[in-house]
Amino acid sequence: MNDRQSSTSSAGEVRTGTIPESAAGLRIDAGLAQAELDLSRERIKALILEGAVTLGGRIANRPSVKLATGMAYAIALPQAQPLDAEAQAIALDIVFEDEHLLVVDKPAGLVVHPAAGHADGTLVNALLHHCRGQLSGIGGVARPGIVHRIDKDTSGLLVVAKTDSAHLGLAAQFAEHSINRRYVAVVQGRPNPANGTVRGNIGRSDHDRKKMALVGEGKGKHAVTHYSTEERLRDATRIECRLETGRTHQVRVHMASIGHALLGDPLYSRPPKPLRDLLRAADFRRQALHAQRLGFIHPVTGSECDFFSPIPADMAELLDRLRV
């Protein structure tokens, strides 16, 4: 944007500027996201809804407001709120780390972010200790560093931003669906076709608030999962899932929707007795899902990054028991 300025106060930072001709006609959230303000479109949209953005001297309370050349804008950025979490010396399996980001191989059972019922002992608590405060705070909370999440009982690779520039660059790649995310999963039965694509919007279930579900057009969030068969097993199949989008419980909901729920999934799976007995014998108590591959362009250096995580021991044992 033209004539960008920034000032600070006890309430936070205020960024001002005027709308150039190139942004005329765009929605305000889209136009300001192009302003090199180090703010994502989603962050700007949230600030608009909070009444923190003015356009032409008036509060812009709708992200859909259209921009016109020469309009003055102001964005009041609140000070980042302290994260209510303690640094804890929790062991981390770090696959890669530099001054901008790190890639962690998360074990099953580790919660990513503190929440109700999990006030500590999370990945964020471990990161606060390991990184000594060097984590991105771009989301409005001081230094959480979390760009994306995987479920507590899903194992595998996760990238964490240490700087705001890395956070913004990674968030843009996630928004563009250019991140290469591949999961290995063990599902009930044998998918037919063996390779395919599941499309369906995902939203909160009306019947159980702990669950997600496929919802109709215009509801929830667009979601696409591509799957391919890797190995046929006894009453089960090992598949690879490539995520085109990244929604809560996406693989779990999509595979259950076509009749091939993940083994061990406490929310979406009801396996027949032989599989229940096998899971009990293996003492396998989680969904059989592992984030095995993660690839992206390094948001600062521009280098291609591609990381691989071997199947963890509990899933490897499950696969051995399922082989005919």
Protein backbone atom coordinates (compact mmCIF):
# COMPACT_ATOMS: atom_id res chain seq x y z
CA MET A 1 0.00 0.00 0.00
CA ASN A 2 1.08 3.61 -0.43
CA ASP A 3 2.55 5.76 2.34
CA ARG A 4 2.53 3.00 4.93
CA GLN A 5 3.30 4.15 8.46
CA SER A 6 3.47 2.52 11.84
CA SER A 7 3.22 3.88 15.36
CA THR A 8 3.05 2.33 18.79
CA SER A 9 1.16 3.02 21.98
CA SER A 10 0.46 1.29 25.27
CA ALA A 11 -2.46 -0.43 23.55
CA GLY A 12 -0.31 -1.82 20.74
CA GLU A 13 0.76 -0.87 17.23
CA VAL A 14 -1.23 1.19 14.69
CA ARG A 15 -0.47 0.77 10.98
CA THR A 16 -1.79 3.33 8.50
CA GLY A 17 -1.69 3.92 4.76
CA THR A 18 -3.76 4.64 1.66
CA ILE A 19 -5.27 2.30 -0.90
CA PRO A 20 -3.45 2.24 -4.28
CA GLU A 21 -5.16 1.84 -7.62
CA SER A 22 -4.03 -1.80 -7.86
CA ALA A 23 -6.25 -2.73 -4.88
CA ALA A 24 -9.37 -0.85 -5.99
CA GLY A 25 -12.44 -3.07 -6.07
CA LEU A 26 -10.97 -5.75 -3.81
CA ARG A 27 -12.51 -6.81 -0.51
CA ILE A 28 -10.84 -5.03 2.37
CA ASP A 29 -9.42 -8.25 3.85
CA ALA A 30 -7.97 -9.29 0.49
CA GLY A 31 -6.58 -5.84 -0.32
CA LEU A 32 -4.93 -5.26 3.04
CA ALA A 33 -3.44 -8.78 2.97
CA GLN A 34 -1.45 -7.63 -0.09
CA ALA A 35 -0.11 -4.57 1.74
CA GLU A 36 3.13 -6.15 2.98
CA LEU A 37 1.93 -5.61 6.52
CA ASP A 38 3.06 -9.07 7.71
CA LEU A 39 -0.58 -9.94 8.36
CA SER A 40 -2.45 -12.84 6.81
CA ARG A 41 -5.90 -12.41 5.29
CA GLU A 42 -7.45 -14.45 8.12
CA ARG A 43 -5.74 -12.27 10.73
CA ILE A 44 -6.98 -9.10 9.01
CA LYS A 45 -10.49 -10.53 8.80
CA ALA A 46 -10.43 -11.22 12.55
CA LEU A 47 -9.23 -7.68 13.27
CA ILE A 48 -12.03 -6.27 11.10
CA LEU A 49 -14.63 -8.25 13.03
CA GLU A 50 -13.11 -6.95 16.27
CA GLY A 51 -13.57 -3.35 15.08
CA ALA A 52 -9.82 -2.75 14.89
CA VAL A 53 -9.76 -1.56 11.24
CA THR A 54 -10.91 1.81 9.93
CA LEU A 55 -11.39 2.78 6.31
CA GLY A 56 -11.84 6.42 5.38
CA GLY A 57 -12.07 7.30 9.08
CA ARG A 58 -14.95 4.88 9.75
CA ILE A 59 -14.85 1.45 11.37
CA ALA A 60 -14.91 -1.27 8.71
CA ASN A 61 -17.07 -3.91 10.35
CA ARG A 62 -17.43 -6.21 7.34
CA PRO A 63 -14.56 -7.97 5.51
CA SER A 64 -16.59 -7.76 2.29
CA VAL A 65 -16.36 -3.94 2.11
CA LYS A 66 -14.84 -2.94 -1.25
CA LEU A 67 -11.78 -0.71 -1.48
CA ALA A 68 -11.39 2.46 -3.53
CA THR A 69 -8.22 4.23 -4.65
CA GLY A 70 -6.92 6.80 -2.16
CA MET A 71 -8.93 5.57 0.84
CA ALA A 72 -7.05 5.95 4.11
CA TYR A 73 -6.89 2.90 6.35
CA ALA A 74 -5.72 2.23 9.90
CA ILE A 75 -5.20 -1.11 11.62
CA ALA A 76 -4.93 -1.17 15.41
CA LEU A 77 -2.88 -4.21 16.38
CA PRO A 78 -3.39 -5.20 20.01
CA GLN A 79 -0.35 -6.17 22.02
CA ALA A 80 0.26 -9.90 21.88
CA GLN A 81 -1.34 -11.57 24.87
CA PRO A 82 0.94 -13.63 27.10
CA LEU A 83 0.51 -17.34 26.53
CA ASP A 84 -0.83 -18.94 29.68
CA ALA A 85 1.56 -21.87 29.55
CA GLU A 86 4.74 -22.81 31.34
CA ALA A 87 7.97 -23.92 29.73
CA GLN A 88 8.46 -27.60 30.51
CA ALA A 89 11.46 -29.86 29.87
CA ILE A 90 9.64 -32.40 27.71
CA ALA A 91 11.75 -34.46 25.30
CA LEU A 92 11.27 -33.58 21.63
CA ASP A 93 12.23 -35.56 18.53
CA ILE A 94 13.50 -32.69 16.35
CA VAL A 95 13.99 -33.67 12.72
CA PHE A 96 15.23 -30.25 11.55
CA GLU A 97 15.91 -26.86 13.09
CA ASP A 98 17.36 -23.52 12.02
CA GLU A 99 16.89 -19.94 13.21
CA HIS A 100 13.52 -19.65 11.42
CA LEU A 101 11.64 -22.90 12.06
CA LEU A 102 11.81 -26.44 13.32
CA VAL A 103 10.19 -29.73 12.32
CA VAL A 104 9.11 -32.07 15.12
CA ASP A 105 8.21 -35.76 14.95
CA LYS A 106 5.32 -35.79 17.44
CA PRO A 107 4.56 -39.02 19.30
CA ALA A 108 0.99 -40.25 19.70
CA GLY A 109 -0.51 -39.05 22.98
CA LEU A 110 1.11 -35.61 22.96
CA VAL A 111 -1.38 -32.73 22.74
CA VAL A 112 -0.19 -29.87 20.51
CA HIS A 113 -1.62 -26.85 22.34
CA PRO A 114 -2.89 -26.27 25.92
CA ALA A 115 -6.67 -26.52 26.15
CA ALA A 116 -9.39 -27.60 28.56
CA GLY A 117 -8.29 -30.86 30.13
CA HIS A 118 -4.69 -30.40 28.92
CA ALA A 119 -3.32 -27.35 30.72
CA ASP A 120 0.27 -28.54 30.49
CA GLY A 121 2.42 -31.37 29.19
CA THR A 122 1.77 -30.25 25.60
CA LEU A 123 3.99 -29.67 22.58
CA VAL A 124 3.74 -25.90 23.18
CA ASN A 125 5.01 -26.34 26.75
CA ALA A 126 7.96 -28.31 25.38
CA LEU A 127 8.64 -25.74 22.65
CA LEU A 128 8.62 -22.86 25.14
CA HIS A 129 11.40 -24.64 27.02
CA HIS A 130 13.39 -25.72 23.98
CA CYS A 131 13.18 -22.43 22.07
CA ARG A 132 13.58 -20.14 25.10
CA GLY A 133 10.86 -17.77 23.85
CA GLN A 134 11.99 -17.74 20.22
CA LEU A 135 8.61 -18.63 18.73
CA SER A 136 6.34 -16.68 16.40
CA GLY A 137 3.57 -14.55 17.91
CA ILE A 138 1.88 -13.60 14.65
CA GLY A 139 -1.46 -15.11 15.70
CA GLY A 140 -1.95 -12.48 18.41
CA VAL A 141 -0.81 -14.66 21.32
CA ALA A 142 2.76 -14.21 22.47
CA ARG A 143 5.03 -16.78 20.90
CA PRO A 144 3.04 -19.98 20.36
CA GLY A 145 4.73 -20.80 17.02
CA ILE A 146 1.97 -23.17 15.95
CA VAL A 147 1.19 -23.01 12.21
CA HIS A 148 -0.85 -26.24 11.99
CA ARG A 149 -1.84 -29.08 14.28
CA ILE A 150 -2.30 -32.82 14.29
CA ASP A 151 -4.56 -34.72 16.67
CA LYS A 152 -3.34 -35.86 20.07
CA ASP A 153 -3.40 -39.52 19.09
CA THR A 154 -1.99 -39.01 15.60
CA SER A 155 1.78 -39.31 15.36
CA GLY A 156 4.16 -37.68 12.91
CA LEU A 157 5.63 -34.54 11.43
CA LEU A 158 4.69 -30.97 12.32
CA VAL A 159 6.42 -27.69 11.41
CA VAL A 160 6.73 -24.86 13.96
CA ALA A 161 7.59 -21.21 13.20
CA LYS A 162 10.25 -19.48 15.29
CA THR A 163 9.91 -16.10 13.54
CA ASP A 164 6.92 -14.11 12.31
CA SER A 165 8.27 -14.08 8.75
CA ALA A 166 8.50 -17.88 8.76
CA HIS A 167 5.00 -18.11 10.23
CA LEU A 168 3.54 -15.90 7.50
CA GLY A 169 5.33 -17.76 4.72
CA LEU A 170 4.24 -21.17 5.98
CA ALA A 171 0.66 -20.00 6.60
CA ALA A 172 0.50 -18.78 2.99
CA GLN A 173 1.61 -22.19 1.71
CA PHE A 174 -1.00 -23.93 3.85
CA ALA A 175 -3.67 -21.53 2.54
CA GLU A 176 -2.57 -22.23 -1.05
CA HIS A 177 -2.66 -26.01 -0.38
CA SER A 178 0.92 -26.28 -1.66
CA ILE A 179 2.27 -28.11 1.41
CA ASN A 180 2.97 -31.79 0.69
CA ARG A 181 1.31 -33.70 3.53
CA ARG A 182 1.11 -37.47 3.29
CA TYR A 183 -0.24 -39.75 5.98
CA VAL A 184 -0.08 -43.52 6.34
CA ALA A 185 -3.27 -45.04 7.77
CA VAL A 186 -4.71 -48.48 8.46
CA VAL A 187 -8.40 -48.74 7.62
CA GLN A 188 -11.10 -51.36 7.96
CA GLY A 189 -11.85 -53.49 4.91
CA ARG A 190 -10.61 -52.85 1.39
CA PRO A 191 -11.47 -49.56 -0.29
CA ASN A 192 -13.10 -49.88 -3.69
CA PRO A 193 -11.76 -48.32 -5.81
CA ALA A 194 -8.33 -49.06 -4.40
CA ASN A 195 -7.22 -45.50 -5.19
CA GLY A 196 -9.54 -42.52 -5.10
CA THR A 197 -10.51 -39.09 -3.85
CA VAL A 198 -12.97 -38.18 -1.12
CA ARG A 199 -14.56 -34.73 -1.28
CA GLY A 200 -16.96 -33.35 1.28
CA ASN A 201 -17.30 -30.31 3.52
CA ILE A 202 -16.40 -30.97 7.15
CA GLY A 203 -18.01 -29.26 10.12
CA ARG A 204 -18.93 -29.88 13.75
CA SER A 205 -21.42 -32.74 14.24
CA ASP A 206 -24.92 -31.69 15.28
CA HIS A 207 -25.24 -34.84 17.39
CA ASP A 208 -21.88 -34.98 19.18
CA ARG A 209 -19.79 -31.82 19.67
CA LYS A 210 -16.63 -33.90 20.10
CA LYS A 211 -17.01 -35.20 16.56
CA MET A 212 -16.70 -33.71 13.11
CA ALA A 213 -18.96 -34.78 10.25
CA LEU A 214 -19.65 -34.33 6.56
CA VAL A 215 -22.01 -31.38 6.14
CA GLY A 216 -23.93 -29.96 3.22
CA GLU A 217 -22.81 -27.40 0.67
CA GLY A 218 -22.48 -23.94 2.18
CA LYS A 219 -21.66 -25.39 5.60
CA GLY A 220 -18.40 -26.34 7.25
CA LYS A 221 -15.14 -26.16 5.31
CA HIS A 222 -14.22 -27.55 1.92
CA ALA A 223 -12.08 -30.70 2.29
CA VAL A 224 -10.37 -33.05 -0.18
CA THR A 225 -8.44 -36.25 0.61
CA HIS A 226 -6.65 -38.38 -2.01
CA TYR A 227 -5.97 -41.98 -0.95
CA SER A 228 -4.08 -44.89 -2.49
CA THR A 229 -3.78 -48.52 -1.42
CA GLU A 230 -0.30 -49.55 -0.27
CA GLU A 231 -0.89 -52.99 1.25
CA ARG A 232 -3.85 -55.37 1.59
CA LEU A 233 -4.08 -56.88 5.05
CA ARG A 234 -6.38 -59.28 6.91
CA ASP A 235 -9.76 -57.50 6.99
CA ALA A 236 -7.89 -54.19 6.65
CA THR A 237 -5.77 -52.07 4.28
CA ARG A 238 -2.76 -49.84 4.68
CA ILE A 239 -3.29 -46.68 2.65
CA GLU A 240 -1.50 -43.42 1.97
CA CYS A 241 -3.56 -40.23 2.23
CA ARG A 242 -2.49 -37.00 0.56
CA LEU A 243 -4.22 -33.98 2.02
CA GLU A 244 -5.26 -31.31 -0.44
CA THR A 245 -6.80 -29.40 2.48
CA GLY A 246 -6.19 -29.64 6.22
CA ARG A 247 -9.37 -29.80 8.28
CA THR A 248 -9.94 -31.10 11.80
CA HIS A 249 -10.19 -34.93 11.73
CA GLN A 250 -10.14 -34.80 7.90
CA VAL A 251 -8.68 -38.24 7.14
CA ARG A 252 -10.69 -39.84 9.94
CA VAL A 253 -14.01 -38.36 8.78
CA HIS A 254 -13.46 -38.88 5.06
CA MET A 255 -12.39 -42.52 5.32
CA ALA A 256 -15.24 -43.31 7.73
CA SER A 257 -17.67 -41.67 5.28
CA ILE A 258 -16.84 -44.25 2.58
CA GLY A 259 -17.11 -47.18 4.99
CA HIS A 260 -13.40 -47.59 5.78
CA ALA A 261 -12.81 -46.01 9.18
CA LEU A 262 -9.34 -45.97 10.71
CA LEU A 263 -8.56 -48.89 13.00
CA GLY A 264 -8.49 -47.92 16.65
CA ASP A 265 -10.35 -44.66 16.10
CA PRO A 266 -12.44 -44.12 19.25
CA LEU A 267 -14.82 -41.64 17.58
CA TYR A 268 -15.47 -42.91 14.06
CA SER A 269 -14.70 -46.64 14.04
CA ARG A 270 -16.85 -49.65 14.98
CA PRO A 271 -14.76 -52.62 13.84
CA PRO A 272 -16.10 -56.20 13.72
CA LYS A 273 -15.19 -58.55 16.58
CA PRO A 274 -12.10 -60.14 14.93
CA LEU A 275 -10.53 -56.72 14.49
CA ARG A 276 -11.57 -55.65 17.99
CA ASP A 277 -9.87 -58.74 19.40
CA LEU A 278 -6.73 -58.06 17.37
CA LEU A 279 -6.56 -54.43 18.53
CA ARG A 280 -6.98 -55.58 22.14
CA ALA A 281 -4.23 -58.20 21.75
CA ALA A 282 -1.91 -55.56 20.30
CA ASP A 283 -2.91 -53.10 23.04
CA PHE A 284 -3.46 -50.55 20.23
CA ARG A 285 -5.52 -47.69 21.69
CA ARG A 286 -5.44 -44.90 19.10
CA GLN A 287 -6.38 -44.17 15.52
CA ALA A 288 -3.91 -45.83 13.13
CA LEU A 289 -2.75 -42.58 11.53
CA HIS A 290 0.78 -41.26 11.08
CA ALA A 291 1.89 -38.01 9.41
CA GLN A 292 4.73 -39.60 7.49
CA ARG A 293 5.83 -36.97 4.97
CA LEU A 294 5.95 -33.18 5.12
CA GLY A 295 7.27 -31.03 2.29
CA PHE A 296 7.31 -27.27 1.79
CA ILE A 297 9.39 -24.38 0.47
CA HIS A 298 11.44 -22.83 3.24
CA PRO A 299 9.67 -19.48 3.77
CA VAL A 300 12.93 -17.54 4.27
CA THR A 301 15.67 -19.32 2.31
CA GLY A 302 13.46 -20.55 -0.54
CA SER A 303 14.99 -24.04 -0.41
CA GLU A 304 12.89 -27.17 -0.93
CA CYS A 305 12.29 -29.07 2.32
CA ASP A 306 11.09 -32.67 2.43
CA PHE A 307 10.94 -34.71 5.63
CA PHE A 308 10.06 -38.36 6.25
CA SER A 309 9.12 -40.12 9.48
CA PRO A 310 9.23 -43.94 9.76
CA ILE A 311 6.10 -45.75 10.91
CA PRO A 312 6.20 -45.81 14.74
CA ALA A 313 6.60 -49.05 16.66
CA ASP A 314 2.98 -49.43 17.76
CA MET A 315 1.66 -49.13 14.19
CA ALA A 316 4.42 -51.40 12.87
CA GLU A 317 3.35 -54.09 15.35
CA LEU A 318 -0.29 -53.63 14.33
CA LEU A 319 0.64 -54.08 10.67
CA ASP A 320 2.60 -57.27 11.48
CA ARG A 321 -0.43 -58.75 13.24
CA LEU A 322 -2.67 -57.87 10.29
CA ARG A 323 -0.49 -59.44 7.60
CA VAL A 324 -1.99 -62.62 6.24
